Amino acid sequence: MSRLNQISSDNYYFVGKKNLIHGLVYKTDDKKSQESFTYLLNSLETFTKLDSIHSQAFATYHIYDLVSRQNKLDIDPKEYGEKFINYALSSKNKSSLFRARAHLIKADFSWEKDSIEIVLEHYKNCINELKKIHSKEKIARIQMNIGLLYKDKTTQNDSACHYYSVSLNKFIELDKKALITINYNNQSELYKKMGDSLMAKIYLEKKGVKISKLPLKTQEIIYNNKIGSYQKNKEQDSIIKYLELLISIKDSIDYQSQQEAFIKYQTAEKEKEALVQKAKTRQITIGLTATLLLGSIIAFLVYRNTKRKQRIAEQDRELQIQKTETILKEKELETINAMVSGQEKERLRLAGELHDNLGSTLATVRMQVENLERNLDKVEDPKALLKKTNALVNEAYTKVRTISHERNSGVIAKEGLLPAIQKLARTVSSNNNLQIEVQDFGLENRISNDMEITIFRIIQELVTNIVKHAQATEASISLTQHDSELNMMIEDNGKGFKVGKLEEKDGMGLGNIERRVEHLEGSMEVDSALGRGTNISIDIPL
């Protein structure tokens, strides 16, 4: 299938992707959270203008993930979390990763205000979605969160210990040293809660990854835990060592806060400069207004003349569309008549086969059976007569199978739906500035004539829409037949439309097409946006 490009929208989409990549790179650096937020927000605004819903959701999730982990950004993550949940759990979205993230966010929202049963239900839904994509690490993270929930919110220490152990085994299997270290720290806090200071110390001293490689906030939590454990055991040297490390971490966190405050200050200064520049620009604009007024009058006269020419061109275009519609209707009638004629010929052929071949054989069988019935006592060798009668019955059976095989073997596989669509494409291409390409895969066997007619009408209606509304120069029709399904892809490089307002466009006929597809127990998906053309995918069971 040829690739249909829209240069302006593609460039704009590239800008959104570039900002998104920068935001994700800076997101991994705790010291650049403000830069990450700025880039991610810019990418979200770009994808929103392009009406690219999936990309909007992707950017929204990473903004939520960033601001929920960076308290110093002073931004409420709930707004972004709820937007992502609404997208991920909608009926149109089928991404298990998105749905898993949505359930995890719901668990975060429910942690403080709802019961443990509600939080556990969200975690359970999250794990079920992750199992569909075999994401072992993410499942283990959720299981560690469940252990943390049992530790902090209940007295069910055995349940907490179970989930910590299950997640730890998976982290060890996947060689995730940083997560192993965090798990050890969580288990140490659990044993400290249970009053077992010895086990708490053992888990604190287990080897995973260097604590210095973990995020600053995580380092602070682990060092505080170590200091508390050593204070109980009165190990002064260890207490002093980790107090010094803790002070260093706090200094780093304070430095990061100062850096972020400085960035905010610089941003505010730039906004002030922009306001001053805007005021100067306004003064210049006022000075040019008088000059532009005269130019506006001239432009209005030119515009009115241009509109008149456009109306004439539009009338010509409408006439051309009407002419094309007439040709399409004529081709539809020709195709339907040809299919009906073919069906009638097939029926006549079958009737002749049954009469000429099978009829005479069955008549002979009937005569011999009647003769045997009347003269059963007089026949010298009834077994020979029965054997002969049985041979005739077998012959009739063989002829029935032969006729059935010829009817269903696809001897006219190259006639019917595909040639009709190819003829339609040639007709439209020769009467418009639109070139239509037809591709087929696996169409070796004919399907029922009724279904062929319905599918042809669907494709014809979609082609009519392209001619009337899309203003496209290229289009493609792809038909792929699997064992039990026929897939159709109709794509154009036209002006596109907003899919969300599909029901308001009464003239496009997409609702009628969707009802035809549903009548065939199929499904239809429409992917389109302003300036990026349209792609319609239809799957019909055979």
Protein backbone atom coordinates (compact mmCIF):
# COMPACT_ATOMS: atom_id res chain seq x y z
CA MET A 1 0.00 0.00 0.00
CA SER A 2 1.39 3.40 -0.90
CA ARG A 3 2.24 5.75 1.97
CA LEU A 4 0.08 8.87 1.95
CA ASN A 5 1.88 11.89 3.39
CA GLN A 6 0.64 15.22 4.70
CA ILE A 7 3.79 17.35 5.05
CA SER A 8 2.52 20.10 7.35
CA SER A 9 0.77 17.81 9.85
CA ASP A 10 3.67 15.33 9.81
CA ASN A 11 6.13 18.12 10.66
CA TYR A 12 3.89 19.27 13.48
CA TYR A 13 3.60 15.69 14.74
CA PHE A 14 7.42 15.45 14.62
CA VAL A 15 7.65 18.52 16.89
CA GLY A 16 5.34 16.85 19.40
CA LYS A 17 7.40 13.64 19.33
CA LYS A 18 10.64 15.62 19.75
CA ASN A 19 9.32 17.42 22.83
CA LEU A 20 8.05 14.11 24.22
CA ILE A 21 11.47 12.44 23.83
CA HIS A 22 13.23 15.39 25.53
CA GLY A 23 10.72 15.23 28.38
CA LEU A 24 11.29 11.48 28.88
CA VAL A 25 15.09 11.91 28.85
CA TYR A 26 15.01 14.71 31.45
CA LYS A 27 12.48 12.72 33.50
CA THR A 28 15.21 10.22 34.41
CA ASP A 29 17.26 13.01 36.05
CA ASP A 30 15.87 14.23 39.40
CA LYS A 31 17.69 17.54 38.94
CA LYS A 32 15.87 18.33 35.69
CA SER A 33 12.26 17.72 36.68
CA GLN A 34 11.21 21.26 35.71
CA GLU A 35 12.70 20.90 32.21
CA SER A 36 11.02 17.50 31.85
CA PHE A 37 7.63 18.95 32.84
CA THR A 38 7.98 21.81 30.33
CA TYR A 39 8.84 19.51 27.41
CA LEU A 40 6.08 17.00 28.27
CA LEU A 41 3.51 19.79 28.59
CA ASN A 42 4.55 21.20 25.18
CA SER A 43 4.21 17.77 23.58
CA LEU A 44 0.73 17.35 25.12
CA GLU A 45 -0.39 20.73 23.70
CA THR A 46 0.93 19.77 20.24
CA PHE A 47 -0.82 16.37 20.24
CA THR A 48 -4.03 18.04 21.43
CA LYS A 49 -3.98 20.41 18.45
CA LEU A 50 -3.41 17.44 16.14
CA ASP A 51 -6.27 15.53 17.82
CA SER A 52 -3.90 12.58 18.27
CA ILE A 53 -5.70 10.96 21.22
CA HIS A 54 -3.32 8.04 21.86
CA SER A 55 -0.28 10.33 21.93
CA GLN A 56 -2.15 12.76 24.21
CA ALA A 57 -2.78 9.91 26.66
CA PHE A 58 0.88 8.81 26.54
CA ALA A 59 2.13 12.34 27.32
CA THR A 60 -0.54 12.80 30.01
CA TYR A 61 0.55 9.63 31.82
CA HIS A 62 4.21 10.67 31.95
CA ILE A 63 3.26 14.14 33.24
CA TYR A 64 1.25 12.46 36.00
CA ASP A 65 4.11 10.07 36.78
CA LEU A 66 6.58 12.97 36.95
CA VAL A 67 4.57 15.35 39.16
CA SER A 68 3.39 12.56 41.48
CA ARG A 69 7.04 11.69 42.24
CA GLN A 70 8.41 15.26 42.31
CA ASN A 71 6.68 17.10 45.17
CA LYS A 72 8.85 20.18 44.66
CA LEU A 73 7.18 20.90 41.34
CA ASP A 74 4.16 22.03 43.40
CA ILE A 75 1.70 20.67 40.81
CA ASP A 76 -1.38 18.59 41.64
CA PRO A 77 -1.05 15.27 39.75
CA LYS A 78 -4.75 14.39 40.17
CA GLU A 79 -5.90 16.36 37.11
CA TYR A 80 -3.49 14.50 34.80
CA GLY A 81 -4.18 11.16 36.48
CA GLU A 82 -7.95 11.45 35.98
CA LYS A 83 -7.51 12.47 32.32
CA PHE A 84 -5.37 9.41 31.69
CA ILE A 85 -7.81 7.09 33.51
CA ASN A 86 -10.72 8.36 31.37
CA TYR A 87 -8.80 7.52 28.20
CA ALA A 88 -7.27 4.21 29.28
CA LEU A 89 -10.52 2.68 30.57
CA SER A 90 -12.67 3.87 27.66
CA SER A 91 -14.29 1.25 25.40
CA LYS A 92 -12.19 2.23 22.37
CA ASN A 93 -8.79 1.74 24.02
CA LYS A 94 -7.47 -1.84 24.01
CA SER A 95 -3.92 -1.31 25.38
CA SER A 96 -3.36 -3.56 28.40
CA LEU A 97 -0.39 -1.41 29.47
CA PHE A 98 -2.54 1.73 29.47
CA ARG A 99 -5.34 -0.02 31.38
CA ALA A 100 -2.85 -1.42 33.93
CA ARG A 101 -1.44 2.07 34.51
CA ALA A 102 -4.97 3.44 34.94
CA HIS A 103 -5.79 0.88 37.65
CA LEU A 104 -2.47 1.64 39.37
CA ILE A 105 -3.32 5.38 39.42
CA LYS A 106 -6.76 4.56 40.86
CA ALA A 107 -5.01 2.56 43.59
CA ASP A 108 -2.76 5.58 44.35
CA PHE A 109 -5.85 7.83 44.55
CA SER A 110 -7.60 5.35 46.89
CA TRP A 111 -4.62 4.71 49.20
CA GLU A 112 -5.49 7.30 51.86
CA LYS A 113 -9.26 7.75 51.57
CA ASP A 114 -10.68 4.29 50.72
CA SER A 115 -10.67 0.87 52.37
CA ILE A 116 -7.90 -1.66 51.83
CA GLU A 117 -10.35 -3.86 49.88
CA ILE A 118 -10.85 -1.11 47.28
CA VAL A 119 -7.10 -0.53 46.91
CA LEU A 120 -6.47 -4.29 46.60
CA GLU A 121 -9.16 -4.53 43.89
CA HIS A 122 -7.41 -1.83 41.86
CA TYR A 123 -4.06 -3.64 42.27
CA LYS A 124 -5.71 -6.93 41.22
CA ASN A 125 -7.12 -5.35 38.04
CA CYS A 126 -3.70 -3.88 37.30
CA ILE A 127 -1.99 -7.29 37.62
CA ASN A 128 -4.61 -8.96 35.38
CA GLU A 129 -3.90 -6.44 32.61
CA LEU A 130 -0.12 -6.83 33.00
CA LYS A 131 -0.41 -10.61 32.73
CA LYS A 132 -1.83 -10.16 29.21
CA ILE A 133 1.45 -8.57 28.10
CA HIS A 134 3.69 -10.78 30.28
CA SER A 135 5.26 -7.84 32.13
CA LYS A 136 6.99 -9.65 34.98
CA GLU A 137 8.83 -6.64 36.39
CA LYS A 138 5.72 -4.45 36.57
CA ILE A 139 3.73 -7.30 38.17
CA ALA A 140 6.46 -7.70 40.79
CA ARG A 141 6.39 -3.95 41.51
CA ILE A 142 2.62 -4.11 42.13
CA GLN A 143 3.06 -7.13 44.40
CA MET A 144 5.65 -5.17 46.42
CA ASN A 145 3.11 -2.31 46.66
CA ILE A 146 0.53 -4.79 48.02
CA GLY A 147 3.06 -5.85 50.66
CA LEU A 148 3.57 -2.19 51.56
CA LEU A 149 -0.21 -1.76 51.83
CA TYR A 150 -0.53 -4.68 54.25
CA LYS A 151 2.45 -3.37 56.29
CA ASP A 152 1.25 0.23 56.62
CA LYS A 153 -2.53 -0.17 56.73
CA THR A 154 -3.18 -3.50 58.48
CA THR A 155 -1.86 -5.84 61.12
CA GLN A 156 -1.67 -8.70 58.60
CA ASN A 157 2.12 -8.95 58.73
CA ASP A 158 2.12 -12.48 57.24
CA SER A 159 0.38 -11.18 54.09
CA ALA A 160 2.91 -8.35 53.82
CA CYS A 161 5.79 -10.82 54.20
CA HIS A 162 4.25 -13.09 51.51
CA TYR A 163 3.98 -10.37 48.89
CA TYR A 164 7.45 -9.02 49.69
CA SER A 165 8.91 -12.52 49.21
CA VAL A 166 7.04 -13.16 45.93
CA SER A 167 8.17 -9.84 44.46
CA LEU A 168 11.76 -10.33 45.69
CA ASN A 169 12.05 -13.69 43.92
CA LYS A 170 10.97 -12.09 40.63
CA PHE A 171 13.40 -9.18 41.08
CA ILE A 172 16.23 -11.67 41.67
CA GLU A 173 15.14 -13.68 38.61
CA LEU A 174 15.16 -10.51 36.47
CA ASP A 175 18.42 -9.23 38.08
CA LYS A 176 16.85 -5.88 39.08
CA LYS A 177 19.39 -4.88 41.74
CA ALA A 178 17.88 -1.47 42.53
CA LEU A 179 14.45 -3.02 43.15
CA ILE A 180 16.06 -5.79 45.22
CA THR A 181 17.61 -3.12 47.47
CA ILE A 182 14.27 -1.33 47.90
CA ASN A 183 12.58 -4.66 48.68
CA TYR A 184 15.20 -5.45 51.34
CA ASN A 185 14.58 -2.05 52.94
CA ASN A 186 10.80 -2.63 52.94
CA GLN A 187 11.22 -6.03 54.59
CA SER A 188 13.55 -4.47 57.15
CA GLU A 189 10.85 -1.92 58.05
CA LEU A 190 8.32 -4.78 58.30
CA TYR A 191 10.47 -6.72 60.78
CA LYS A 192 11.12 -3.52 62.75
CA LYS A 193 7.34 -3.07 62.99
CA MET A 194 7.04 -6.68 64.22
CA GLY A 195 9.69 -5.99 66.91
CA ASP A 196 12.33 -8.30 65.38
CA SER A 197 15.35 -5.95 65.33
CA LEU A 198 17.76 -8.74 64.38
CA MET A 199 15.92 -9.62 61.15
CA ALA A 200 15.46 -5.91 60.44
CA LYS A 201 19.23 -5.42 60.61
CA ILE A 202 19.92 -8.54 58.49
CA TYR A 203 17.74 -7.26 55.65
CA LEU A 204 19.28 -3.79 55.88
CA GLU A 205 22.75 -5.26 55.35
CA LYS A 206 21.79 -7.54 52.44
CA LYS A 207 23.50 -6.70 49.13
CA GLY A 208 21.52 -5.43 46.17
CA VAL A 209 22.74 -2.31 44.46
CA LYS A 210 24.73 0.64 45.80
CA ILE A 211 22.35 2.95 47.61
CA SER A 212 24.04 5.93 45.96
CA LYS A 213 22.62 4.81 42.62
CA LEU A 214 19.02 5.12 43.84
CA PRO A 215 16.91 8.32 43.65
CA LEU A 216 17.65 10.87 46.38
CA LYS A 217 14.31 10.42 48.15
CA THR A 218 14.78 6.63 48.24
CA GLN A 219 18.31 7.06 49.64
CA GLU A 220 16.93 9.33 52.36
CA ILE A 221 14.31 6.72 53.38
CA ILE A 222 16.88 3.87 53.51
CA TYR A 223 19.43 5.91 55.51
CA ASN A 224 16.75 6.91 58.03
CA ASN A 225 15.80 3.25 58.39
CA LYS A 226 19.44 2.22 58.93
CA ILE A 227 19.97 4.92 61.54
CA GLY A 228 16.84 3.82 63.42
CA SER A 229 17.98 0.19 63.39
CA TYR A 230 21.51 1.00 64.60
CA GLN A 231 20.17 3.27 67.35
CA LYS A 232 18.25 0.33 68.82
CA ASN A 233 21.45 -1.73 68.81
CA LYS A 234 23.54 1.26 70.05
CA GLU A 235 26.07 0.95 67.20
CA GLN A 236 27.52 4.46 67.37
CA ASP A 237 30.01 4.14 64.50
CA SER A 238 27.32 3.03 62.07
CA ILE A 239 24.96 5.74 63.32
CA ILE A 240 27.58 8.46 62.69
CA LYS A 241 28.40 7.02 59.25
CA TYR A 242 24.81 7.05 58.03
CA LEU A 243 24.04 10.38 59.69
CA GLU A 244 26.80 11.92 57.58
CA LEU A 245 25.39 10.27 54.44
CA LEU A 246 21.89 11.45 55.36
CA ILE A 247 23.07 15.03 55.82
CA SER A 248 24.80 14.85 52.41
CA ILE A 249 21.59 13.58 50.80
CA LYS A 250 19.53 16.35 52.41
CA ASP A 251 22.05 18.91 51.11
CA SER A 252 21.65 17.46 47.61
CA ILE A 253 17.88 17.64 47.90
CA ASP A 254 18.07 21.24 49.13
CA TYR A 255 20.44 22.12 46.27
CA GLN A 256 18.00 20.57 43.81
CA SER A 257 15.19 22.66 45.31
CA GLN A 258 17.31 25.79 44.95
CA GLN A 259 18.03 24.95 41.33
CA GLU A 260 14.33 24.47 40.61
CA ALA A 261 13.52 27.75 42.37
CA PHE A 262 16.17 29.49 40.28
CA ILE A 263 14.67 28.04 37.11
CA LYS A 264 11.23 29.29 38.15
CA TYR A 265 12.73 32.74 38.80
CA GLN A 266 14.35 32.78 35.34
CA THR A 267 11.05 31.72 33.80
CA ALA A 268 9.23 34.56 35.58
CA GLU A 269 11.84 37.09 34.37
CA LYS A 270 11.45 35.89 30.81
CA GLU A 271 7.68 36.26 31.09
CA LYS A 272 8.16 39.87 32.27
CA GLU A 273 10.42 40.58 29.29
CA ALA A 274 7.81 39.04 27.01
CA LEU A 275 5.14 41.36 28.45
CA VAL A 276 7.34 44.42 27.84
CA GLN A 277 8.03 43.30 24.29
CA LYS A 278 4.32 42.70 23.77
CA ALA A 279 3.55 46.28 24.88
CA LYS A 280 6.08 47.65 22.38
CA THR A 281 4.63 45.51 19.64
CA ARG A 282 1.16 46.83 20.43
CA GLN A 283 2.33 50.41 20.00
CA ILE A 284 3.80 49.57 16.60
CA THR A 285 0.57 47.82 15.67
CA ILE A 286 -1.46 50.93 16.45
CA GLY A 287 0.83 52.98 14.23
CA LEU A 288 0.34 50.61 11.33
CA THR A 289 -3.46 50.37 11.67
CA ALA A 290 -4.16 53.36 9.44
CA THR A 291 -1.94 51.97 6.68
CA LEU A 292 -3.47 48.54 6.98
CA LEU A 293 -6.99 49.97 6.73
CA LEU A 294 -6.43 51.03 3.14
CA GLY A 295 -4.83 47.69 2.38
CA SER A 296 -7.82 45.94 3.96
CA ILE A 297 -10.23 47.70 1.60
CA ILE A 298 -8.17 46.61 -1.41
CA ALA A 299 -7.92 43.10 0.02
CA PHE A 300 -11.68 42.98 0.50
CA LEU A 301 -12.28 43.80 -3.16
CA VAL A 302 -9.78 41.13 -4.22
CA TYR A 303 -11.35 38.67 -1.80
CA ARG A 304 -14.85 39.26 -3.16
CA ASN A 305 -13.62 38.65 -6.71
CA THR A 306 -11.79 35.51 -5.57
CA LYS A 307 -14.90 34.20 -3.83
CA ARG A 308 -16.90 34.66 -6.99
CA LYS A 309 -14.36 32.59 -8.91
CA GLN A 310 -14.42 29.99 -6.15
CA ARG A 311 -18.21 29.72 -6.37
CA ILE A 312 -17.94 29.08 -10.10
CA ALA A 313 -15.24 26.46 -9.49
CA GLU A 314 -17.35 24.87 -6.75
CA GLN A 315 -20.32 24.62 -9.10
CA ASP A 316 -18.12 22.90 -11.69
CA ARG A 317 -16.88 20.54 -9.02
CA GLU A 318 -20.44 19.69 -7.92
CA LEU A 319 -21.35 18.90 -11.52
CA GLN A 320 -18.31 16.63 -11.77
CA ILE A 321 -19.28 14.88 -8.51
CA GLN A 322 -22.84 14.35 -9.76
CA LYS A 323 -21.46 12.91 -12.98
CA THR A 324 -19.19 10.57 -11.01
CA GLU A 325 -22.08 9.47 -8.77
CA THR A 326 -24.15 8.64 -11.83
CA ILE A 327 -21.29 6.54 -13.23
CA LEU A 328 -20.85 4.76 -9.89
CA LYS A 329 -24.56 3.91 -9.69
CA GLU A 330 -24.49 2.60 -13.25
CA LYS A 331 -21.47 0.43 -12.44
CA GLU A 332 -23.23 -0.86 -9.33
CA LEU A 333 -26.26 -1.90 -11.37
CA GLU A 334 -24.02 -3.54 -13.98
CA THR A 335 -22.20 -5.49 -11.26
CA ILE A 336 -25.40 -6.59 -9.52
CA ASN A 337 -27.00 -7.61 -12.84
CA ALA A 338 -23.89 -9.59 -13.76
CA MET A 339 -23.92 -11.36 -10.40
CA VAL A 340 -27.65 -12.15 -10.62
CA SER A 341 -27.19 -13.38 -14.21
CA GLY A 342 -24.34 -15.60 -13.07
CA GLN A 343 -26.50 -17.05 -10.30
CA GLU A 344 -29.31 -17.81 -12.77
CA LYS A 345 -26.91 -19.52 -15.18
CA GLU A 346 -25.52 -21.57 -12.33
CA ARG A 347 -29.03 -22.69 -11.34
CA LEU A 348 -29.86 -23.69 -14.94
CA ARG A 349 -26.60 -25.61 -15.21
CA LEU A 350 -27.31 -27.48 -11.99
CA ALA A 351 -30.86 -28.29 -13.14
CA GLY A 352 -29.49 -29.67 -16.42
CA GLU A 353 -26.89 -31.78 -14.61
CA LEU A 354 -29.53 -33.23 -12.29
CA HIS A 355 -31.95 -33.96 -15.14
CA ASP A 356 -29.50 -35.37 -17.72
CA ASN A 357 -27.14 -37.35 -15.50
CA LEU A 358 -28.76 -38.06 -12.17
CA GLY A 359 -32.39 -38.29 -13.36
CA SER A 360 -31.90 -41.19 -15.77
CA THR A 361 -29.84 -43.16 -13.26
CA LEU A 362 -32.44 -42.80 -10.50
CA ALA A 363 -35.24 -43.73 -12.94
CA THR A 364 -33.43 -46.97 -13.77
CA VAL A 365 -32.96 -47.72 -10.07
CA ARG A 366 -36.66 -47.16 -9.45
CA MET A 367 -37.66 -49.48 -12.30
CA GLN A 368 -35.39 -52.27 -11.05
CA VAL A 369 -36.67 -51.93 -7.48
CA GLU A 370 -40.30 -52.07 -8.69
CA ASN A 371 -39.53 -55.11 -10.85
CA LEU A 372 -37.85 -56.82 -7.91
CA GLU A 373 -40.82 -56.01 -5.70
CA ARG A 374 -43.39 -57.47 -8.17
CA ASN A 375 -41.38 -60.58 -9.14
CA LEU A 376 -39.42 -61.33 -5.97
CA ASP A 377 -40.49 -65.00 -6.03
CA LYS A 378 -39.93 -65.42 -9.77
CA VAL A 379 -36.43 -63.95 -10.12
CA GLU A 380 -33.84 -66.67 -10.54
CA ASP A 381 -30.94 -64.70 -9.03
CA PRO A 382 -32.25 -61.86 -6.77
CA LYS A 383 -28.79 -61.22 -5.30
CA ALA A 384 -27.38 -60.41 -8.74
CA LEU A 385 -30.27 -58.00 -9.36
CA LEU A 386 -29.72 -56.35 -5.95
CA LYS A 387 -26.01 -56.04 -6.69
CA LYS A 388 -26.78 -54.34 -10.01
CA THR A 389 -29.27 -52.01 -8.28
CA ASN A 390 -26.69 -51.17 -5.60
CA ALA A 391 -24.14 -50.30 -8.33
CA LEU A 392 -26.64 -47.85 -9.85
CA VAL A 393 -27.23 -46.25 -6.41
CA ASN A 394 -23.47 -45.82 -5.96
CA GLU A 395 -23.26 -44.27 -9.41
CA ALA A 396 -26.01 -41.78 -8.48
CA TYR A 397 -24.19 -40.95 -5.23
CA THR A 398 -20.94 -40.34 -7.12
CA LYS A 399 -22.69 -37.96 -9.53
CA VAL A 400 -24.23 -35.99 -6.64
CA ARG A 401 -20.79 -35.56 -5.07
CA THR A 402 -19.30 -34.49 -8.40
CA ILE A 403 -21.98 -31.82 -8.92
CA SER A 404 -21.55 -30.59 -5.33
CA HIS A 405 -17.76 -30.41 -5.75
CA GLU A 406 -18.07 -28.41 -8.97
CA ARG A 407 -20.50 -26.06 -7.25
CA ASN A 408 -18.17 -25.30 -4.32
CA SER A 409 -14.63 -25.76 -5.67
CA GLY A 410 -14.26 -22.16 -6.85
CA VAL A 411 -13.77 -22.88 -10.58
CA ILE A 412 -14.71 -19.27 -11.29
CA ALA A 413 -12.54 -17.86 -8.47
CA LYS A 414 -11.29 -14.94 -10.55
CA GLU A 415 -14.80 -13.62 -11.26
CA GLY A 416 -17.07 -11.71 -8.91
CA LEU A 417 -16.09 -9.24 -6.14
CA LEU A 418 -12.44 -8.47 -6.93
CA PRO A 419 -12.92 -7.76 -10.68
CA ALA A 420 -15.92 -5.55 -9.83
CA ILE A 421 -13.85 -3.48 -7.37
CA GLN A 422 -10.96 -3.22 -9.84
CA LYS A 423 -13.36 -2.01 -12.53
CA LEU A 424 -14.82 0.53 -10.10
CA ALA A 425 -11.33 1.85 -9.29
CA ARG A 426 -10.46 2.20 -13.00
CA THR A 427 -13.72 4.03 -13.69
CA VAL A 428 -13.27 6.55 -10.87
CA SER A 429 -9.57 7.08 -11.68
CA SER A 430 -10.36 7.84 -15.33
CA ASN A 431 -13.07 10.41 -14.50
CA ASN A 432 -11.40 12.36 -11.65
CA ASN A 433 -8.09 13.74 -10.45
CA LEU A 434 -8.05 10.80 -8.05
CA GLN A 435 -5.91 7.69 -8.52
CA ILE A 436 -7.15 4.54 -6.77
CA GLU A 437 -4.93 1.50 -6.20
CA VAL A 438 -6.41 -1.96 -5.49
CA GLN A 439 -4.46 -4.71 -3.73
CA ASP A 440 -5.65 -8.21 -2.82
CA PHE A 441 -4.20 -11.02 -0.71
CA GLY A 442 -5.56 -14.56 -0.39
CA LEU A 443 -8.75 -14.10 -2.45
CA GLU A 444 -8.59 -17.58 -4.00
CA ASN A 445 -12.10 -18.70 -3.01
CA ARG A 446 -15.45 -17.10 -3.81
CA ILE A 447 -17.79 -16.10 -1.02
CA SER A 448 -21.58 -16.02 -1.18
CA ASN A 449 -23.10 -13.76 -3.83
CA ASP A 450 -25.24 -11.89 -1.30
CA MET A 451 -22.17 -11.06 0.77
CA GLU A 452 -20.19 -10.07 -2.36
CA ILE A 453 -22.92 -7.62 -3.34
CA THR A 454 -23.06 -6.10 0.18
CA ILE A 455 -19.26 -5.75 0.38
CA PHE A 456 -19.16 -4.14 -3.07
CA ARG A 457 -21.79 -1.61 -2.02
CA ILE A 458 -19.83 -0.77 1.15
CA ILE A 459 -16.63 -0.12 -0.82
CA GLN A 460 -18.55 1.81 -3.46
CA GLU A 461 -20.08 4.07 -0.79
CA LEU A 462 -16.65 4.71 0.76
CA VAL A 463 -15.19 5.57 -2.66
CA THR A 464 -18.12 7.95 -3.22
CA ASN A 465 -17.32 9.65 0.10
CA ILE A 466 -13.69 10.12 -0.98
CA VAL A 467 -14.77 11.66 -4.29
CA LYS A 468 -17.38 13.96 -2.70
CA HIS A 469 -15.76 15.04 0.55
CA ALA A 470 -12.07 14.13 0.92
CA GLN A 471 -10.50 16.30 -1.84
CA ALA A 472 -7.92 13.53 -2.14
CA THR A 473 -5.50 12.82 -5.00
CA GLU A 474 -4.55 9.27 -3.97
CA ALA A 475 -6.47 6.39 -2.43
CA SER A 476 -5.97 2.68 -1.93
CA ILE A 477 -8.25 -0.35 -1.40
CA SER A 478 -6.72 -3.43 0.19
CA LEU A 479 -8.59 -6.75 0.58
CA THR A 480 -7.07 -9.59 2.62
CA GLN A 481 -8.87 -12.92 3.08
CA HIS A 482 -7.90 -15.09 6.04
CA ASP A 483 -9.32 -18.51 6.91
CA SER A 484 -12.43 -17.11 8.57
CA GLU A 485 -12.27 -13.36 8.04
CA LEU A 486 -12.10 -10.73 5.28
CA ASN A 487 -10.23 -7.51 6.05
CA MET A 488 -10.70 -4.32 4.02
CA MET A 489 -8.55 -1.19 4.32
CA ILE A 490 -9.65 1.98 2.48
CA GLU A 491 -7.19 4.88 2.82
CA ASP A 492 -6.94 8.36 1.26
CA ASN A 493 -4.69 11.41 1.54
CA GLY A 494 -7.57 13.88 1.73
CA LYS A 495 -8.39 16.62 4.20
CA GLY A 496 -9.72 14.24 6.89
CA PHE A 497 -12.23 15.04 9.63
CA LYS A 498 -12.73 14.83 13.39
CA VAL A 499 -13.82 11.30 14.24
CA GLY A 500 -15.44 12.49 17.45
CA LYS A 501 -18.01 14.46 15.41
CA LEU A 502 -18.82 11.53 13.12
CA GLU A 503 -22.53 11.43 14.02
CA GLU A 504 -23.04 15.07 13.03
CA LYS A 505 -21.92 14.51 9.44
CA ASP A 506 -25.20 13.18 8.03
CA GLY A 507 -24.03 13.50 4.43
CA MET A 508 -21.05 11.21 4.76
CA GLY A 509 -23.04 7.96 4.93
CA LEU A 510 -20.65 6.37 7.46
CA GLY A 511 -23.53 5.51 9.79
CA ASN A 512 -25.26 3.61 7.00
CA ILE A 513 -22.02 1.80 6.16
CA GLU A 514 -21.51 0.87 9.82
CA ARG A 515 -25.02 -0.61 9.98
CA ARG A 516 -24.27 -2.74 6.89
CA VAL A 517 -21.07 -3.98 8.52
CA GLU A 518 -22.91 -4.79 11.75
CA HIS A 519 -25.53 -6.68 9.71
CA LEU A 520 -22.68 -8.90 8.50
CA GLU A 521 -21.55 -9.27 12.16
CA GLY A 522 -18.36 -7.37 11.34
CA SER A 523 -16.52 -4.40 12.89
CA MET A 524 -15.40 -1.04 11.51
CA GLU A 525 -12.75 1.39 12.78
CA VAL A 526 -12.25 4.94 11.47
CA ASP A 527 -8.90 6.73 11.97
CA SER A 528 -8.87 10.32 10.74
CA ALA A 529 -7.80 13.81 11.74
CA LEU A 530 -7.94 17.18 10.03
CA GLY A 531 -5.10 17.45 7.52
CA ARG A 532 -3.97 13.82 7.85
CA GLY A 533 -6.33 11.90 5.57
CA THR A 534 -8.58 8.99 6.52
CA ASN A 535 -8.03 5.26 7.12
CA ILE A 536 -11.04 2.94 7.47
CA SER A 537 -10.56 -0.70 8.49
CA ILE A 538 -13.38 -3.25 8.20
CA ASP A 539 -13.29 -6.89 9.39
CA ILE A 540 -16.07 -9.25 8.25
CA PRO A 541 -16.34 -12.90 9.38
CA LEU A 542 -16.79 -15.42 6.55
